[in-house]
Protein backbone atom coordinates (compact mmCIF):
# COMPACT_ATOMS: atom_id res chain seq x y z
CA MET A 1 1.63 13.06 24.73
CA PHE A 2 -0.23 11.42 21.85
CA PHE A 3 -1.90 9.08 24.23
CA VAL A 4 -3.19 11.98 26.33
CA ALA A 5 -4.37 13.88 23.27
CA PHE A 6 -6.09 10.72 21.95
CA VAL A 7 -8.11 10.21 25.17
CA ALA A 8 -8.77 13.94 25.78
CA LEU A 9 -10.19 14.46 22.25
CA ARG A 10 -12.40 11.28 22.43
CA ALA A 11 -13.57 11.12 26.03
CA PRO A 12 -16.26 13.87 25.59
CA TYR A 13 -17.84 11.82 22.79
CA LEU A 14 -17.89 8.45 24.43
CA SER A 15 -21.62 8.65 25.33
CA LEU A 16 -22.64 10.78 22.33
CA PRO A 17 -26.02 9.44 21.15
CA LEU A 18 -25.93 7.31 18.03
CA GLU A 19 -26.65 8.90 14.73
CA ARG A 20 -28.71 7.12 12.00
CA ASP A 21 -25.93 5.02 10.44
CA GLU A 22 -24.66 3.93 13.86
CA GLY A 23 -28.27 3.08 14.73
CA GLU A 24 -28.56 0.79 11.57
CA TYR A 25 -25.45 -1.21 12.39
CA ALA A 26 -26.22 -1.36 16.11
CA TYR A 27 -29.69 -2.71 15.47
CA ILE A 28 -28.54 -5.24 12.91
CA ALA A 29 -25.77 -6.47 15.18
CA GLN A 30 -28.32 -6.72 18.06
CA ARG A 31 -30.61 -8.82 15.96
CA MET A 32 -27.69 -11.03 14.84
CA ILE A 33 -27.24 -11.99 18.48
CA GLU A 34 -30.94 -13.13 18.44
CA GLY A 35 -30.36 -15.25 15.28
CA GLU A 36 -31.62 -12.89 12.53
CA ILE A 37 -29.71 -12.45 9.30
CA PRO A 38 -28.59 -9.16 7.76
CA TYR A 39 -30.36 -8.10 4.55
CA LEU A 40 -32.96 -10.79 4.92
CA ASP A 41 -34.46 -9.51 8.23
CA ALA A 42 -33.09 -5.92 8.03
CA PHE A 43 -32.36 -3.96 4.81
CA ASP A 44 -29.06 -2.10 4.81
CA GLN A 45 -26.97 -0.70 1.99
CA LYS A 46 -23.56 -1.33 3.67
CA PRO A 47 -21.57 -4.52 3.34
CA PRO A 48 -21.55 -6.84 6.34
CA ALA A 49 -18.10 -6.17 7.83
CA VAL A 50 -19.37 -3.27 10.01
CA PHE A 51 -22.10 -5.41 11.51
CA VAL A 52 -19.45 -7.93 12.59
CA VAL A 53 -17.44 -5.22 14.25
CA TYR A 54 -20.48 -4.00 16.14
CA ARG A 55 -21.34 -7.56 17.09
CA VAL A 56 -17.88 -8.04 18.55
CA ALA A 57 -18.19 -4.75 20.45
CA PHE A 58 -21.38 -6.00 22.03
CA GLY A 59 -19.75 -9.28 22.89
CA LEU A 60 -16.89 -7.47 24.60
CA PHE A 61 -18.46 -4.45 26.28
CA GLY A 62 -22.24 -5.06 26.26
CA GLN A 63 -25.02 -3.45 24.13
CA SER A 64 -24.53 0.26 24.67
CA ILE A 65 -23.45 3.47 23.12
CA GLU A 66 -20.22 3.37 25.13
CA ALA A 67 -19.51 -0.13 23.81
CA ILE A 68 -19.68 1.02 20.19
CA HIS A 69 -17.51 4.05 20.76
CA ALA A 70 -15.02 2.06 22.79
CA MET A 71 -14.56 -0.24 19.92
CA LEU A 72 -14.25 2.78 17.57
CA TYR A 73 -11.40 4.16 19.82
CA LEU A 74 -9.59 0.84 19.88
CA TRP A 75 -9.81 0.62 16.04
CA SER A 76 -8.73 4.18 15.71
CA ALA A 77 -5.67 3.61 17.95
CA ALA A 78 -4.72 0.63 15.75
CA THR A 79 -5.19 2.80 12.66
CA ALA A 80 -2.83 5.50 14.14
CA LEU A 81 -0.22 2.77 14.80
CA ALA A 82 -0.55 1.37 11.27
CA LEU A 83 -0.14 4.89 9.79
CA PHE A 84 2.94 5.39 12.01
CA ALA A 85 4.46 2.12 10.65
CA LEU A 86 3.72 3.06 7.07
CA VAL A 87 5.11 6.62 7.15
CA SER A 88 8.08 5.54 9.13
CA ARG A 89 9.16 3.48 6.08
CA TRP A 90 9.36 6.68 4.14
CA GLY A 91 10.60 9.39 6.48
CA GLY A 92 11.74 7.69 9.60
CA ARG A 93 10.32 7.61 13.05
CA GLY A 94 9.83 11.35 13.29
CA ALA A 95 7.63 11.50 10.19
CA GLY A 96 5.73 8.42 11.47
CA LEU A 97 5.01 10.15 14.80
CA TRP A 98 3.80 13.30 13.05
CA ALA A 99 1.47 11.24 10.88
CA ALA A 100 0.05 9.40 13.81
CA GLY A 101 -0.32 12.71 15.70
CA LEU A 102 -2.18 14.32 12.87
CA PHE A 103 -4.49 11.34 12.74
CA VAL A 104 -5.08 11.54 16.50
CA ALA A 105 -6.17 15.19 16.08
CA LEU A 106 -8.10 14.86 12.86
CA GLY A 107 -9.39 11.30 12.87
CA ASN A 108 -12.22 12.05 15.46
CA HIS A 109 -13.12 15.55 14.26
CA PRO A 110 -16.87 16.47 14.44
CA VAL A 111 -16.62 18.50 11.23
CA LEU A 112 -16.26 15.21 9.37
CA PHE A 113 -18.79 13.53 11.66
CA ALA A 114 -15.80 11.28 12.63
CA THR A 115 -17.03 11.00 16.27
CA ALA A 116 -19.49 8.35 14.85
CA ALA A 117 -18.47 4.63 14.53
CA ASN A 118 -19.12 4.66 10.76
CA THR A 119 -17.86 2.55 7.98
CA GLU A 120 -15.36 5.14 6.70
CA ILE A 121 -13.42 4.97 9.97
CA PHE A 122 -13.28 1.23 10.05
CA MET A 123 -12.17 0.86 6.42
CA LEU A 124 -9.10 3.02 7.02
CA LEU A 125 -7.16 0.32 8.88
CA PRO A 126 -7.22 -2.18 6.00
CA LEU A 127 -6.63 0.59 3.51
CA ILE A 128 -3.38 1.59 5.25
CA ALA A 129 -2.44 -2.13 5.61
CA SER A 130 -2.96 -2.47 1.80
CA VAL A 131 -0.46 0.34 1.09
CA TRP A 132 2.02 -1.05 3.62
CA TRP A 133 1.94 -4.50 1.97
CA MET A 134 2.09 -2.83 -1.44
CA GLU A 135 5.21 -1.04 -0.45
CA LYS A 136 6.73 -4.23 0.96
CA ALA A 137 5.93 -5.97 -2.29
CA THR A 138 7.48 -3.40 -4.54
CA CYS A 139 10.71 -3.35 -2.52
CA GLU A 140 10.97 -7.09 -2.00
CA GLY A 141 9.06 -8.55 -4.96
CA ARG A 142 7.31 -11.22 -2.87
CA LEU A 143 4.04 -12.49 -4.32
CA GLY A 144 2.69 -13.07 -0.73
CA SER A 145 3.00 -9.38 -0.04
CA TRP A 146 1.01 -8.58 -3.09
CA ALA A 147 -1.60 -11.07 -2.10
CA ALA A 148 -1.80 -9.55 1.44
CA SER A 149 -2.22 -6.09 -0.08
CA GLY A 150 -5.14 -7.31 -2.27
CA ALA A 151 -6.77 -9.09 0.76
CA ALA A 152 -6.47 -5.93 2.89
CA LEU A 153 -8.09 -3.86 0.14
CA ALA A 154 -10.85 -6.38 -0.26
CA LEU A 155 -11.52 -6.21 3.45
CA ALA A 156 -11.79 -2.44 3.27
CA CYS A 157 -14.31 -2.83 0.47
CA TRP A 158 -16.42 -5.15 2.79
CA PHE A 159 -16.78 -2.12 5.07
CA LYS A 160 -17.63 0.24 2.24
CA PRO A 161 -17.40 -0.32 -1.52
CA VAL A 162 -15.89 3.15 -2.27
CA ALA A 163 -12.64 1.64 -0.89
CA ALA A 164 -12.36 -0.03 -4.27
CA ALA A 165 -11.08 3.31 -5.73
CA GLN A 166 -7.68 2.32 -4.20
CA ILE A 167 -7.40 -0.58 -6.64
CA LEU A 168 -6.22 1.98 -9.18
CA LEU A 169 -3.23 2.79 -6.98
CA LEU A 170 -2.53 -0.85 -6.22
CA GLY A 171 -2.83 -1.92 -9.85
CA ALA A 172 -0.63 0.96 -11.10
CA TRP A 173 2.08 0.05 -8.58
CA ALA A 174 1.95 -3.61 -9.50
CA MET A 175 2.57 -2.56 -13.13
CA TRP A 176 5.24 -0.04 -12.49
CA MET A 177 6.81 -1.41 -9.34
CA PRO A 178 8.80 1.71 -8.37
CA GLY A 179 11.43 0.87 -5.90
CA ALA A 180 12.22 -2.54 -7.39
CA SER A 181 15.83 -3.25 -7.99
CA ALA A 182 15.27 -3.78 -11.68
CA ARG A 183 12.50 -2.96 -14.15
CA PRO A 184 9.85 -5.63 -13.86
CA THR A 185 9.16 -7.98 -16.79
CA LEU A 186 5.71 -8.50 -18.28
CA ARG A 187 5.54 -11.85 -16.49
CA GLU A 188 6.43 -10.33 -13.11
CA ARG A 189 3.73 -7.71 -13.51
CA ALA A 190 1.18 -10.38 -14.50
CA ARG A 191 2.10 -12.46 -11.42
CA ALA A 192 1.80 -9.40 -9.14
CA LEU A 193 -1.69 -8.60 -10.52
CA ALA A 194 -2.66 -12.30 -10.19
CA ALA A 195 -1.46 -12.36 -6.57
CA ILE A 196 -3.54 -9.26 -5.80
CA ALA A 197 -6.57 -10.79 -7.30
CA ALA A 198 -5.97 -14.03 -5.39
CA GLY A 199 -5.70 -12.17 -2.09
CA GLY A 200 -8.94 -10.34 -2.73
CA ILE A 201 -10.69 -13.52 -3.66
CA ALA A 202 -9.35 -15.32 -0.60
CA MET A 203 -10.67 -12.62 1.57
CA SER A 204 -14.04 -12.30 -0.13
CA LEU A 205 -15.00 -15.93 -0.96
CA PRO A 206 -15.73 -17.01 2.68
CA ILE A 207 -17.96 -14.03 3.19
CA LEU A 208 -19.90 -14.72 -0.11
CA LEU A 209 -20.21 -18.38 0.90
CA ILE A 210 -21.53 -17.56 4.35
CA LEU A 211 -24.16 -15.14 2.86
CA ALA A 212 -25.12 -17.75 0.30
CA TRP A 213 -25.48 -20.39 3.00
CA LYS A 214 -27.70 -18.09 5.01
CA GLY A 215 -29.82 -17.32 1.87
CA ALA A 216 -28.86 -13.66 2.09
CA LEU A 217 -26.55 -13.29 -0.95
CA GLY A 218 -29.26 -12.05 -3.28
CA ALA A 219 -30.70 -9.62 -0.73
CA MET A 220 -27.14 -8.34 -0.13
CA ILE A 221 -26.50 -7.71 -3.82
CA ASP A 222 -29.92 -5.93 -4.01
CA ALA A 223 -29.16 -3.64 -1.06
CA VAL A 224 -25.47 -2.99 -1.42
CA PHE A 225 -25.14 -2.80 -5.15
CA LEU A 226 -28.51 -2.24 -6.88
CA HIS A 227 -29.89 0.23 -4.33
CA ASN A 228 -26.57 2.04 -3.96
CA PHE A 229 -26.23 2.40 -7.73
CA ALA A 230 -29.73 4.02 -7.86
CA TYR A 231 -28.89 6.26 -4.91
CA SER A 232 -25.49 7.43 -6.31
CA THR A 233 -26.71 8.51 -9.78
CA ARG A 234 -29.11 11.25 -8.69
CA LEU A 235 -26.99 14.39 -8.57
CA SER A 236 -25.71 16.66 -11.36
CA LEU A 237 -22.09 17.84 -11.64
CA ALA A 238 -23.15 21.40 -10.77
CA ARG A 239 -24.87 20.22 -7.54
CA GLY A 240 -21.93 18.00 -6.76
CA ALA A 241 -19.53 20.95 -7.09
CA GLU A 242 -21.78 23.02 -4.86
CA ASN A 243 -21.70 20.24 -2.21
CA LEU A 244 -17.99 19.99 -2.43
CA LEU A 245 -17.29 23.70 -1.93
CA LEU A 246 -19.71 23.85 0.97
CA ARG A 247 -17.96 20.99 2.78
CA LEU A 248 -14.46 22.32 2.16
CA ASP A 249 -15.54 25.68 3.40
CA ARG A 250 -16.56 24.14 6.67
CA GLN A 251 -13.39 22.15 7.08
CA THR A 252 -10.93 25.02 6.44
CA ALA A 253 -10.51 26.12 10.05
CA ALA A 254 -9.70 22.62 11.21
CA PHE A 255 -7.86 21.24 8.29
CA GLY A 256 -6.28 24.27 6.59
CA ALA A 257 -2.78 23.69 8.06
CA ALA A 258 -2.79 20.06 7.04
CA TRP A 259 -3.86 20.91 3.44
CA LEU A 260 -0.97 23.46 3.10
CA LEU A 261 1.58 20.93 4.47
CA ALA A 262 0.30 18.20 2.13
CA ALA A 263 0.60 20.63 -0.79
CA ALA A 264 4.20 21.45 0.23
CA ALA A 265 5.10 17.68 0.42
CA LEU A 266 3.79 17.24 -3.14
CA LEU A 267 5.12 20.33 -4.83
CA TRP A 268 8.30 21.24 -2.95
CA ARG A 269 11.14 18.76 -3.09
CA GLY A 270 12.83 20.31 -0.02
CA ALA A 271 9.74 19.53 2.04
CA SER A 272 10.53 15.86 1.97
CA GLY A 273 14.24 16.22 2.32
CA THR A 274 14.37 13.37 4.91
CA LEU A 275 13.44 10.80 2.33
CA GLY A 276 15.80 8.63 0.47
CA SER A 277 13.81 8.76 -2.70
CA SER A 278 11.47 11.67 -2.33
CA LEU A 279 10.11 11.74 -5.91
CA ARG A 280 8.82 8.20 -5.66
CA VAL A 281 7.09 8.80 -2.36
CA ARG A 282 5.67 12.13 -3.60
CA VAL A 283 4.21 10.32 -6.63
CA LEU A 284 2.75 7.62 -4.36
CA LEU A 285 1.21 10.19 -2.02
CA ALA A 286 -0.24 12.19 -4.89
CA ALA A 287 -1.83 9.05 -6.25
CA TRP A 288 -3.12 7.97 -2.90
CA LEU A 289 -4.75 11.36 -2.32
CA GLY A 290 -6.14 11.15 -5.76
CA VAL A 291 -7.82 7.72 -5.38
CA SER A 292 -9.03 8.75 -1.92
CA ALA A 293 -10.63 11.84 -3.34
CA LEU A 294 -12.23 9.69 -6.03
CA GLY A 295 -13.77 7.42 -3.40
CA ALA A 296 -15.03 10.44 -1.39
CA SER A 297 -16.75 11.88 -4.45
CA ALA A 298 -19.04 8.86 -4.93
CA GLY A 299 -22.45 10.04 -5.97
CA LEU A 300 -21.21 13.66 -5.73
CA TYR A 301 -22.97 14.03 -2.32
CA PHE A 302 -19.68 14.82 -0.56
CA ARG A 303 -21.22 14.16 2.85
CA GLU A 304 -19.05 15.12 5.79
CA HIS A 305 -18.00 11.57 6.66
CA TYR A 306 -16.97 10.74 3.12
CA PHE A 307 -13.84 12.87 3.56
CA ILE A 308 -12.67 10.43 6.23
CA GLN A 309 -11.33 8.26 3.46
CA TRP A 310 -8.90 11.06 2.62
CA LEU A 311 -7.40 11.19 6.16
CA PRO A 312 -4.54 8.60 5.99
CA ALA A 313 -2.99 10.04 2.78
CA LEU A 314 -3.52 13.60 4.00
CA CYS A 315 -1.87 12.91 7.44
CA ALA A 316 0.93 10.95 5.73
CA ALA A 317 1.67 13.82 3.24
CA ALA A 318 1.38 16.56 5.87
CA ALA A 319 3.76 14.68 8.18
CA LEU A 320 6.74 14.81 5.84
CA PRO A 321 7.33 18.68 5.76
CA LEU A 322 6.93 18.71 9.58
CA ALA A 323 9.56 15.97 10.00
CA THR A 324 11.92 17.87 7.63
CA PHE A 325 11.53 21.14 9.42
CA CYS A 326 12.00 19.70 12.86
CA ASP A 327 15.06 17.63 11.69
CA ALA A 328 16.67 20.79 10.30
CA ALA A 329 16.01 22.69 13.49
CA ARG A 330 17.40 19.94 15.66
CA ARG A 331 20.65 20.06 13.69
CA ARG A 332 20.96 23.75 14.84
CA GLY A 333 20.67 22.64 18.52
CA THR A 334 18.54 21.10 21.13
CA VAL A 335 16.66 24.30 22.04
CA ALA A 336 16.00 25.14 18.38
CA GLY A 337 14.76 21.64 17.81
CA TRP A 338 12.48 21.74 20.84
CA VAL A 339 11.05 25.16 19.83
CA ALA A 340 10.44 24.04 16.20
CA THR A 341 8.74 20.89 17.38
CA MET A 342 6.41 22.74 19.82
CA ALA A 343 5.63 25.50 17.24
CA SER A 344 4.87 22.91 14.54
CA ALA A 345 2.60 20.92 16.96
CA ALA A 346 0.69 24.11 17.85
CA TRP A 347 0.26 25.20 14.23
CA VAL A 348 -1.27 21.87 13.09
CA LEU A 349 -2.94 20.50 16.27
CA VAL A 350 -4.36 23.65 17.93
CA PRO A 351 -6.69 24.70 15.15
CA PRO A 352 -8.57 21.35 15.05
CA THR A 353 -9.01 21.44 18.72
CA LEU A 354 -10.23 25.10 18.75
CA ALA A 355 -12.70 24.25 15.92
CA GLN A 356 -14.42 21.90 18.33
CA ALA A 357 -14.01 23.89 21.52
CA HIS A 358 -17.71 24.78 21.52
CA LEU A 359 -18.52 21.05 21.49
CA LEU A 360 -16.08 20.14 24.17
CA ARG A 361 -17.65 22.93 26.39
CA ALA A 362 -21.22 21.68 25.99
CA ASP A 363 -23.09 21.08 29.14
CA SER A 364 -24.51 17.68 28.16
CA VAL A 365 -24.22 15.03 25.45
CA GLY A 366 -27.64 16.10 24.27
CA GLU A 367 -26.50 19.67 23.58
CA ARG A 368 -23.23 18.27 22.13
CA ALA A 369 -25.27 16.14 19.63
CA TRP A 370 -27.42 19.14 18.67
CA ARG A 371 -24.30 21.27 17.93
CA ILE A 372 -22.93 18.52 15.72
CA TYR A 373 -26.07 17.20 14.05
CA GLY A 374 -28.43 20.15 14.25
CA ALA A 375 -32.20 19.37 14.54
CA ASN A 376 -31.77 15.56 14.08
CA PRO A 377 -33.42 13.83 16.99
CA PHE A 378 -30.50 11.62 17.97
CA ALA A 379 -30.48 12.57 21.70
CA GLU A 380 -34.21 12.51 21.88
CA SER A 381 -34.28 8.96 20.52
CA VAL A 382 -33.09 7.66 23.90
CA PRO A 383 -36.06 8.69 26.07
CA ILE A 384 -38.54 7.78 23.39
CA ALA A 385 -36.96 4.28 23.14
CA ASP A 386 -37.00 3.98 27.02
CA TYR A 387 -40.73 4.82 27.02
CA ILE A 388 -41.46 2.20 24.36
CA ARG A 389 -39.38 -0.44 26.20
CA GLU A 390 -41.13 0.23 29.43
CA HIS A 391 -44.69 0.08 28.03
CA SER A 392 -44.30 -2.84 25.64
CA ALA A 393 -43.47 -6.56 25.73
CA PRO A 394 -40.25 -7.97 24.31
CA HIS A 395 -42.15 -9.58 21.43
CA ASP A 396 -43.97 -6.41 20.37
CA ARG A 397 -42.91 -4.78 17.12
CA VAL A 398 -42.14 -1.10 16.42
CA TYR A 399 -42.55 0.73 13.16
CA VAL A 400 -40.55 3.92 12.61
CA ILE A 401 -41.96 6.20 9.90
CA GLY A 402 -38.66 7.77 9.15
CA SER A 403 -34.96 6.92 9.29
CA GLU A 404 -34.23 6.63 13.04
CA PRO A 405 -33.18 2.95 13.58
CA GLN A 406 -31.36 3.88 16.71
CA ILE A 407 -34.75 3.98 18.37
CA LEU A 408 -35.14 0.24 17.64
CA PHE A 409 -31.73 -0.50 19.07
CA TYR A 410 -32.34 1.45 22.32
CA ALA A 411 -35.78 0.03 22.75
CA ARG A 412 -34.56 -3.56 22.08
CA ARG A 413 -37.63 -4.15 19.97
CA ARG A 414 -37.91 -5.70 16.43
CA SER A 415 -38.81 -3.61 13.57
CA ALA A 416 -42.25 -4.20 12.05
CA THR A 417 -40.73 -4.31 8.58
CA ARG A 418 -37.28 -5.21 7.33
CA TYR A 419 -36.90 -1.64 6.00
CA ILE A 420 -35.50 -0.20 9.26
CA PHE A 421 -35.19 3.22 7.64
CA VAL A 422 -37.28 4.70 4.76
CA TYR A 423 -34.50 6.19 2.53
CA PRO A 424 -34.57 3.25 0.02
CA LEU A 425 -38.37 3.69 -0.24
CA ASN A 426 -38.14 7.35 -1.16
CA ILE A 427 -36.09 7.40 -4.40
CA ILE A 428 -37.20 7.22 -7.99
CA GLY A 429 -36.10 3.96 -9.52
CA PRO A 430 -37.20 0.57 -10.64
CA GLY A 431 -38.73 -1.56 -7.85
CA VAL A 432 -39.31 1.24 -5.39
CA LEU A 433 -43.10 0.79 -5.45
CA ALA A 434 -42.60 -2.94 -4.95
CA ARG A 435 -40.44 -2.20 -1.89
CA GLN A 436 -43.20 -0.04 -0.49
CA GLN A 437 -45.76 -2.71 -1.04
CA GLU A 438 -43.50 -5.23 0.57
CA ALA A 439 -43.09 -3.01 3.61
CA TRP A 440 -46.84 -2.42 3.84
CA GLN A 441 -47.64 -6.16 3.72
CA GLU A 442 -45.15 -6.79 6.57
CA LEU A 443 -46.89 -4.09 8.57
CA ARG A 444 -50.32 -5.66 8.12
CA ASP A 445 -49.00 -9.07 8.93
CA VAL A 446 -47.39 -8.09 12.22
CA ARG A 447 -49.47 -5.14 13.41
CA PRO A 448 -46.88 -3.21 15.34
CA GLU A 449 -47.63 -2.16 18.91
CA TYR A 450 -45.95 1.12 18.60
CA VAL A 451 -45.43 3.54 15.67
CA VAL A 452 -42.97 6.46 15.77
CA ASP A 453 -43.94 9.07 13.30
CA VAL A 454 -40.94 11.30 12.60
CA ARG A 455 -41.71 14.83 11.41
CA LEU A 456 -38.33 15.86 10.13
CA GLN A 457 -37.39 16.21 6.50
CA ALA A 458 -33.88 14.92 7.02
CA SER A 459 -35.29 11.68 8.24
CA HIS A 460 -37.09 11.05 4.93
CA LEU A 461 -35.40 12.78 2.03
CA VAL A 462 -38.34 12.07 -0.28
CA GLN A 463 -37.26 12.47 -3.89
CA ARG A 464 -39.79 14.36 -5.98
CA GLY A 465 -41.86 11.95 -7.92
CA ALA A 466 -41.27 8.94 -5.65
CA PRO A 467 -44.39 6.83 -4.90
CA GLY A 468 -46.38 7.81 -1.81
CA LEU A 469 -48.19 4.57 -1.24
CA LEU A 470 -46.61 3.71 2.02
CA TYR A 471 -46.96 7.08 3.56
CA GLU A 472 -50.62 7.40 2.64
CA ARG A 473 -51.58 3.93 3.99
CA SER A 474 -49.49 4.53 7.12
CA ARG A 475 -51.34 7.78 7.86
CA ARG A 476 -54.70 6.04 7.51
CA MET A 477 -53.56 3.24 9.69
CA LEU A 478 -52.54 5.68 12.42
CA GLU A 479 -55.98 7.53 12.27
CA ARG A 480 -58.03 4.35 12.37
CA GLU A 481 -56.03 1.95 14.61
CA TYR A 482 -53.68 3.95 16.90
CA GLU A 483 -53.78 6.42 19.85
CA LEU A 484 -51.20 9.14 20.37
CA GLU A 485 -49.25 8.70 23.66
CA TRP A 486 -46.18 10.84 23.23
CA VAL A 487 -44.99 13.88 21.44
CA SER A 488 -41.41 15.30 21.41
CA TYR A 489 -41.18 18.55 19.64
CA ARG A 490 -38.49 21.16 19.22
CA GLU A 491 -38.96 24.87 19.04
CA ARG A 492 -36.67 26.36 16.32
CA GLY A 493 -33.33 27.51 17.58
CA ARG A 494 -33.52 25.55 20.77
CA PRO A 495 -31.36 22.46 21.19
CA LEU A 496 -33.69 20.31 23.35
CA TYR A 497 -37.05 18.68 22.69
CA ARG A 498 -40.08 19.28 24.80
CA ARG A 499 -42.02 16.16 25.75
CA LEU A 500 -45.81 15.72 26.21
CA THR A 501 -47.74 12.54 26.91
CA GLY A 502 -51.36 11.52 26.96
CA ALA A 503 -54.01 14.25 26.60
CA ALA A 504 -51.38 17.00 26.48
CA ALA A 505 -49.82 15.31 23.50
CA VAL A 506 -53.15 15.02 21.70
CA GLY A 507 -53.91 18.66 22.51
CA TRP A 508 -50.60 19.77 21.02
CA LEU A 509 -51.30 17.89 17.75
CA GLU A 510 -54.71 19.24 17.44
CA ARG A 511 -53.51 22.74 17.95
CA ALA A 512 -50.66 22.24 15.50
CA ARG A 513 -53.08 20.97 12.85
CA ARG A 514 -55.38 23.93 13.31
CA ASP A 515 -52.56 26.54 12.97
CA GLY A 516 -50.90 24.57 10.11
CA SER A 517 -47.67 23.97 11.92
CA ALA A 518 -48.05 20.17 12.25
CA GLU A 519 -46.20 19.46 8.97
CA ARG A 520 -43.51 22.05 9.67
CA ALA A 521 -42.71 21.13 13.24
CA HIS A 522 -39.58 19.21 14.17
CA ALA A 523 -41.47 16.49 16.11
CA LEU A 524 -41.62 12.81 16.91
CA LEU A 525 -45.10 11.34 17.57
CA VAL A 526 -45.40 8.05 19.32
CA TYR A 527 -48.60 6.08 18.70
CA ARG A 528 -49.84 2.90 20.33
CA ARG A 529 -52.24 0.39 18.91
CA ALA A 530 -55.67 1.29 20.19
CA SER A 531 -57.24 -0.85 22.96
CA PRO A 532 -60.61 -0.30 24.60
CA VAL A 533 -59.18 -1.02 28.03
CA ARG A 534 -56.31 1.45 27.88
CA SER A 535 -56.69 5.11 28.75
CA PRO A 536 -53.41 6.95 28.98
CA ALA A 537 -53.08 9.57 31.70
CA ALA A 538 -52.46 13.13 30.57
CA THR A 539 -49.18 14.37 31.76
CA GLU A 540 -46.63 16.92 30.71
CA ARG A 541 -42.85 16.64 31.24
């Protein structure tokens, strides 16, 4: 049943167009195949583990959207199995099955943007493994288990640094060691902490050495740590609280039942009656939920996919009352047990499915992407990239004025600058002007054949007061050296973009400038470097 549900809830999203973050990772993995080095040749604020996973996906399945999502589903299946193994330690096989089932239903939910192969999804498997080894270590006292727990947590951090919040849970458990046969001595606690640190170092040192050998260590530190620090210190507490309430309100329909069950597991002792030591497990789950919430709150942005970090602890906690209720019903008879199980499954699994029914019924992946991501041009990136690939040579460069690196991946063309998205160029902070100057110098050196000008605020997120040098020079460059060949524009309230080429595209832009709608339009403008021998035909699609 779980296998059928797993496939049924994921198959509609297999060919879903890549969103921005997926586009970053896909482009970098694609360039890795060509011998380029992350951070040196392409700026990205995420640690390198996700690039490796994408690179493996391409090696196994080819360079496609489906390859990326197939790898995501294999990874998610392994994550569900790991969660089953962990929760079975606490509440038996029934609780483990309920935890895995909840993850099957919630771990791909569009309200969390979990349909995308993002870093938050990939870090869950090592986070669960870290807790599993931590539990094994506290019960058996083996230093190797503590080291394995530390190594797994370090691996999670190499997907996304916010996983480091779980070190608070791991460190507290190493100091307290609940479940040990005797109260640990100071020496035993010190040895456990040392083993955790040794495991983390053993996992991290080879990665650091490879980056240093490739000459990318400094660039990685700049992107992953310095840029992320500047990015994560921009919002006030009031704005953060507003973001949190907005996200939770959107999640209520799909996740409300799981929240109530998790609260019951933590607050009502009878809800975890199947457990041998329910208080200890309730404390662990509360701590796990707490550190996961801390990780999800980084920067106070509370973006949809940040809540994915919360899923393993949420599913584990919610599974315990379900297992307790179904066990009690089974003791009353087979029929009662069957009815209780079916009713429980319907209560927790049907709402998440109904909450995405409008997506599952969508006529096309383009409409499905619009219903998930709104005006963002993720579906429209595919035909634009196809056009660029068909009209350019493999060695030609492409410059995207915006944050749509998926276009580069689809087109299989190199970026004209290592800044494959403009977000790091649009914040207030030391070095931002230097980054813009660096990007501009790269543009003048390579002279890109194509430029994609993205007219969509979400693709830029310019912070008030940020330098405008790159935008000003890019606009002048387009006016003097480039010809407009393609326009994709979207009328408000309509999911699909309309496409114009040649003279029709130029005419649309002139009209938009005259009536003042050019800057307000949701549009992507594709320019080609001017040539006296080229005269594009005017067509409308």
